N, C-alpha and C. Protein backbone atom coordinates (compact mmCIF):
# COMPACT_ATOMS: atom_id res chain seq x y z
N MET A 1 -33.26 -3.24 -2.52
CA MET A 1 -31.73 -4.28 -1.89
C MET A 1 -30.43 -3.78 -2.82
N THR A 2 -29.43 -3.69 -2.20
CA THR A 2 -28.58 -3.38 -2.76
C THR A 2 -27.66 -4.38 -2.92
N SER A 3 -26.32 -4.42 -4.28
CA SER A 3 -25.61 -5.64 -4.28
C SER A 3 -24.87 -5.47 -3.39
N PRO A 4 -23.95 -6.85 -3.05
CA PRO A 4 -22.85 -6.60 -2.34
C PRO A 4 -21.53 -5.75 -3.15
N ALA A 5 -20.83 -5.46 -2.32
CA ALA A 5 -19.66 -4.78 -2.50
C ALA A 5 -18.63 -5.40 -3.39
N THR A 6 -18.42 -5.31 -4.41
CA THR A 6 -16.81 -6.08 -5.38
C THR A 6 -16.24 -5.52 -4.96
N PRO A 7 -14.80 -6.08 -4.33
CA PRO A 7 -13.27 -5.53 -4.65
C PRO A 7 -13.13 -5.04 -5.66
N LYS A 8 -12.45 -3.79 -5.72
CA LYS A 8 -11.55 -3.27 -6.89
C LYS A 8 -10.14 -4.15 -7.23
N SER A 9 -9.99 -4.13 -8.22
CA SER A 9 -9.01 -5.08 -8.85
C SER A 9 -8.18 -4.32 -9.66
N ALA A 10 -8.72 -2.66 -9.96
CA ALA A 10 -7.58 -2.01 -10.54
C ALA A 10 -6.39 -1.73 -10.22
N ARG A 11 -5.33 -2.32 -10.61
CA ARG A 11 -4.12 -2.09 -10.54
C ARG A 11 -3.17 -1.19 -11.45
N SER A 12 -2.52 -0.50 -10.99
CA SER A 12 -1.60 0.67 -12.04
C SER A 12 -0.32 0.10 -12.35
N THR A 13 -0.02 -1.27 -11.65
CA THR A 13 1.15 -1.93 -12.36
C THR A 13 0.83 -4.03 -12.38
N ARG A 14 1.75 -4.18 -12.86
CA ARG A 14 1.52 -5.53 -13.25
C ARG A 14 1.82 -6.38 -12.00
N SER A 15 1.13 -6.45 -11.03
CA SER A 15 1.20 -7.12 -9.82
C SER A 15 0.41 -8.41 -9.77
N SER A 16 0.02 -8.85 -11.09
CA SER A 16 -1.50 -9.73 -11.04
C SER A 16 -0.14 -11.45 -10.82
N ASP A 17 -0.95 -12.41 -10.25
CA ASP A 17 -0.45 -13.58 -9.98
C ASP A 17 0.99 -14.21 -10.91
N LYS A 18 0.39 -14.00 -12.41
CA LYS A 18 1.00 -14.29 -13.29
C LYS A 18 1.68 -13.06 -14.01
N ALA A 19 2.42 -12.50 -13.39
CA ALA A 19 3.20 -11.19 -13.78
C ALA A 19 4.26 -11.50 -14.88
N GLU A 20 4.02 -10.87 -15.86
CA GLU A 20 4.97 -10.69 -16.79
C GLU A 20 6.55 -10.50 -16.56
N PRO A 21 7.52 -11.05 -17.04
CA PRO A 21 9.01 -11.02 -17.01
C PRO A 21 9.18 -9.48 -17.58
N ALA A 22 10.24 -8.94 -17.09
CA ALA A 22 10.42 -7.42 -17.18
C ALA A 22 11.20 -7.83 -18.40
N ALA A 23 11.17 -6.44 -19.27
CA ALA A 23 11.61 -6.28 -20.52
C ALA A 23 12.92 -6.11 -20.83
N SER A 24 13.33 -5.46 -19.74
CA SER A 24 14.58 -4.83 -19.59
C SER A 24 15.21 -4.16 -18.08
N TYR A 25 16.30 -3.67 -17.90
CA TYR A 25 16.20 -3.66 -16.37
C TYR A 25 16.03 -2.30 -16.43
N GLU A 26 15.53 -1.38 -17.20
CA GLU A 26 15.23 -0.05 -17.20
C GLU A 26 13.97 -0.28 -16.68
N SER A 27 12.76 -1.11 -17.37
CA SER A 27 11.50 -1.14 -17.14
C SER A 27 11.67 -1.50 -15.83
N ALA A 28 12.13 -2.58 -15.70
CA ALA A 28 11.92 -3.01 -14.24
C ALA A 28 12.36 -2.47 -12.71
N LEU A 29 13.24 -1.71 -13.24
CA LEU A 29 13.93 -0.31 -12.19
C LEU A 29 12.56 0.68 -12.11
N ASP A 30 11.96 0.83 -13.32
CA ASP A 30 10.78 2.13 -13.18
C ASP A 30 9.64 1.23 -12.68
N GLU A 31 9.20 -0.12 -12.61
CA GLU A 31 8.42 -0.53 -12.28
C GLU A 31 8.28 -0.96 -10.74
N LEU A 32 9.57 -1.11 -10.33
CA LEU A 32 9.85 -1.41 -8.78
C LEU A 32 9.68 0.04 -8.09
N GLU A 33 10.08 1.21 -8.72
CA GLU A 33 10.08 2.28 -8.17
C GLU A 33 8.73 2.77 -8.06
N THR A 34 7.71 2.38 -8.91
CA THR A 34 6.34 2.74 -8.69
C THR A 34 5.74 1.60 -7.75
N LEU A 35 5.95 0.58 -7.44
CA LEU A 35 5.53 -0.21 -6.59
C LEU A 35 6.09 0.23 -5.10
N VAL A 36 7.34 0.62 -4.75
CA VAL A 36 7.99 1.34 -3.67
C VAL A 36 7.12 2.36 -3.32
N ALA A 37 7.01 3.03 -4.16
CA ALA A 37 6.13 4.33 -4.12
C ALA A 37 4.69 3.72 -3.12
N GLN A 38 3.95 3.11 -4.01
CA GLN A 38 2.69 2.57 -3.57
C GLN A 38 2.77 1.87 -2.05
N LEU A 39 3.79 1.31 -1.96
CA LEU A 39 3.78 0.44 -0.47
C LEU A 39 4.22 1.30 0.41
N GLU A 40 5.04 2.67 -0.02
CA GLU A 40 5.34 3.25 1.23
C GLU A 40 4.04 4.42 1.33
N ASN A 41 3.17 4.43 0.50
CA ASN A 41 2.04 5.21 0.87
C ASN A 41 1.15 5.08 1.86
N GLY A 42 0.86 3.24 2.38
CA GLY A 42 0.37 2.94 2.92
C GLY A 42 -1.16 2.54 3.18
N GLN A 43 -1.71 2.85 1.85
CA GLN A 43 -2.79 3.02 1.77
C GLN A 43 -3.50 1.79 0.77
N LEU A 44 -2.74 0.70 0.64
CA LEU A 44 -3.15 -0.58 -0.21
C LEU A 44 -3.77 -1.32 0.69
N PRO A 45 -4.83 -2.04 0.27
CA PRO A 45 -5.35 -3.25 0.93
C PRO A 45 -4.54 -4.33 0.93
N LEU A 46 -4.88 -4.95 2.12
CA LEU A 46 -3.57 -6.42 2.41
C LEU A 46 -3.32 -7.34 1.40
N ASP A 47 -4.24 -7.52 0.36
CA ASP A 47 -4.37 -8.66 -0.44
C ASP A 47 -3.21 -7.94 -2.02
N GLN A 48 -3.47 -6.38 -2.04
CA GLN A 48 -2.53 -5.67 -3.06
C GLN A 48 -1.20 -5.46 -2.42
N LEU A 49 -1.42 -5.41 -1.17
CA LEU A 49 0.01 -4.95 -0.55
C LEU A 49 1.22 -6.16 -0.80
N LEU A 50 0.38 -7.45 -0.46
CA LEU A 50 1.38 -9.02 -0.72
C LEU A 50 1.49 -9.01 -2.54
N GLY A 51 0.39 -8.98 -3.25
CA GLY A 51 1.18 -8.70 -4.29
C GLY A 51 2.18 -8.01 -4.84
N HIS A 52 2.06 -6.61 -4.39
CA HIS A 52 2.93 -5.46 -4.80
C HIS A 52 4.51 -6.15 -4.15
N TYR A 53 4.38 -6.91 -2.62
CA TYR A 53 5.14 -7.29 -2.41
C TYR A 53 6.13 -8.51 -3.15
N GLN A 54 5.32 -9.02 -3.49
CA GLN A 54 6.02 -10.31 -4.38
C GLN A 54 6.70 -9.52 -5.73
N ARG A 55 5.83 -8.98 -6.59
CA ARG A 55 6.07 -8.38 -7.41
C ARG A 55 7.50 -7.75 -7.13
N GLY A 56 7.79 -7.16 -6.26
CA GLY A 56 8.89 -6.02 -6.50
C GLY A 56 10.02 -7.05 -5.85
N ALA A 57 9.72 -7.87 -5.16
CA ALA A 57 10.66 -9.14 -4.90
C ALA A 57 11.16 -10.12 -6.23
N GLU A 58 10.64 -10.08 -7.32
CA GLU A 58 10.46 -10.65 -8.32
C GLU A 58 11.40 -9.83 -9.23
N LEU A 59 11.30 -8.39 -9.32
CA LEU A 59 11.66 -7.28 -9.89
C LEU A 59 13.39 -7.42 -9.52
N LEU A 60 13.51 -7.28 -8.12
CA LEU A 60 14.48 -6.95 -7.49
C LEU A 60 15.51 -8.09 -8.14
N ALA A 61 15.14 -9.43 -7.76
CA ALA A 61 16.09 -10.45 -8.23
C ALA A 61 16.47 -10.31 -10.17
N PHE A 62 15.57 -9.90 -10.80
CA PHE A 62 15.86 -9.89 -11.73
C PHE A 62 16.65 -8.69 -12.12
N CYS A 63 17.08 -7.44 -11.35
CA CYS A 63 17.78 -6.56 -11.57
C CYS A 63 19.19 -6.84 -11.14
N ARG A 64 19.27 -7.77 -9.93
CA ARG A 64 20.27 -8.19 -9.38
C ARG A 64 20.76 -8.95 -10.71
N ALA A 65 20.18 -9.63 -10.88
CA ALA A 65 20.78 -10.91 -12.02
C ALA A 65 21.48 -10.32 -13.15
N ARG A 66 20.66 -9.03 -13.61
CA ARG A 66 21.39 -8.55 -14.65
C ARG A 66 22.69 -7.36 -14.67
N LEU A 67 22.61 -6.82 -13.21
CA LEU A 67 23.90 -6.64 -12.59
C LEU A 67 24.82 -7.13 -12.61
N ASP A 68 24.61 -8.28 -12.24
CA ASP A 68 25.75 -9.66 -11.76
C ASP A 68 26.35 -10.17 -13.31
N ALA A 69 25.10 -10.09 -14.52
CA ALA A 69 25.69 -10.40 -15.90
C ALA A 69 26.53 -9.35 -16.38
N VAL A 70 25.99 -7.98 -16.08
CA VAL A 70 26.86 -6.75 -16.86
C VAL A 70 28.37 -6.76 -16.11
N GLU A 71 28.53 -7.27 -14.53
CA GLU A 71 29.82 -7.38 -13.77
C GLU A 71 30.70 -8.41 -14.35
N HIS A 72 29.78 -9.20 -14.37
CA HIS A 72 30.59 -10.74 -14.89
C HIS A 72 31.27 -10.48 -16.28
N GLN A 73 30.58 -9.77 -17.16
CA GLN A 73 31.21 -9.33 -18.67
C GLN A 73 32.04 -8.32 -18.41
N ILE A 74 31.93 -7.28 -17.66
CA ILE A 74 33.50 -6.32 -17.49
C ILE A 74 34.39 -6.75 -17.08
N LYS A 75 34.18 -8.00 -16.31
CA LYS A 75 35.35 -8.72 -15.41
C LYS A 75 36.28 -9.52 -16.78
N VAL A 76 35.52 -9.66 -17.89
CA VAL A 76 36.23 -10.59 -18.97
C VAL A 76 36.65 -9.82 -19.69
N LEU A 77 36.11 -8.44 -19.83
CA LEU A 77 36.57 -7.57 -20.90
C LEU A 77 37.85 -7.12 -20.34
N GLU A 78 37.80 -6.59 -18.98
CA GLU A 78 39.12 -6.31 -18.39
C GLU A 78 40.53 -7.32 -18.28
N ASP A 79 39.89 -8.70 -18.72
CA ASP A 79 41.19 -9.43 -18.24
C ASP A 79 41.61 -9.57 -19.75
N GLY A 80 41.33 -9.18 -20.65
CA GLY A 80 41.28 -9.54 -22.35
C GLY A 80 40.68 -10.39 -23.05
N GLU A 81 39.80 -10.75 -22.71
CA GLU A 81 39.22 -11.96 -23.11
C GLU A 81 37.60 -11.72 -23.76
N PRO A 82 37.79 -10.92 -24.18
CA PRO A 82 36.31 -10.51 -24.55
C PRO A 82 35.67 -11.74 -24.99
N LYS A 83 34.50 -11.67 -24.81
CA LYS A 83 33.39 -13.11 -25.17
C LYS A 83 31.97 -12.21 -25.45
N PRO A 84 31.46 -13.05 -26.40
CA PRO A 84 29.70 -12.29 -26.60
C PRO A 84 29.01 -12.90 -25.42
N TRP A 85 28.28 -11.08 -25.25
CA TRP A 85 27.36 -11.51 -23.95
C TRP A 85 25.87 -11.65 -24.53
N ASP A 86 25.38 -12.92 -23.64
CA ASP A 86 23.91 -13.17 -24.21
C ASP A 86 23.12 -12.72 -23.69
N GLY A 87 23.22 -11.47 -22.49
CA GLY A 87 21.95 -11.28 -21.96
C GLY A 87 21.64 -12.22 -20.91
N GLN A 88 21.65 -13.22 -20.53
CA GLN A 88 21.31 -13.82 -19.70
C GLN A 88 21.71 -13.80 -18.15
């Protein structure tokens, strides 16, 4: 008698339910590029596909927020009013 097959949960990226926030813009971008490549491959099971998509949306929002913060800081500097940037 064979035991029932258990689904493999090995994932090469952090697409778990409680994914860690990205450490930096660059690491978020690297992880996002990896996720996109895996999604485009089309070989993921449905549950992993959804998890990767959700993580990608989180990473995209993080990257956009970081870029917006940098853009805002540049505008402040261009107006001659340098202010410390807290990175948030």
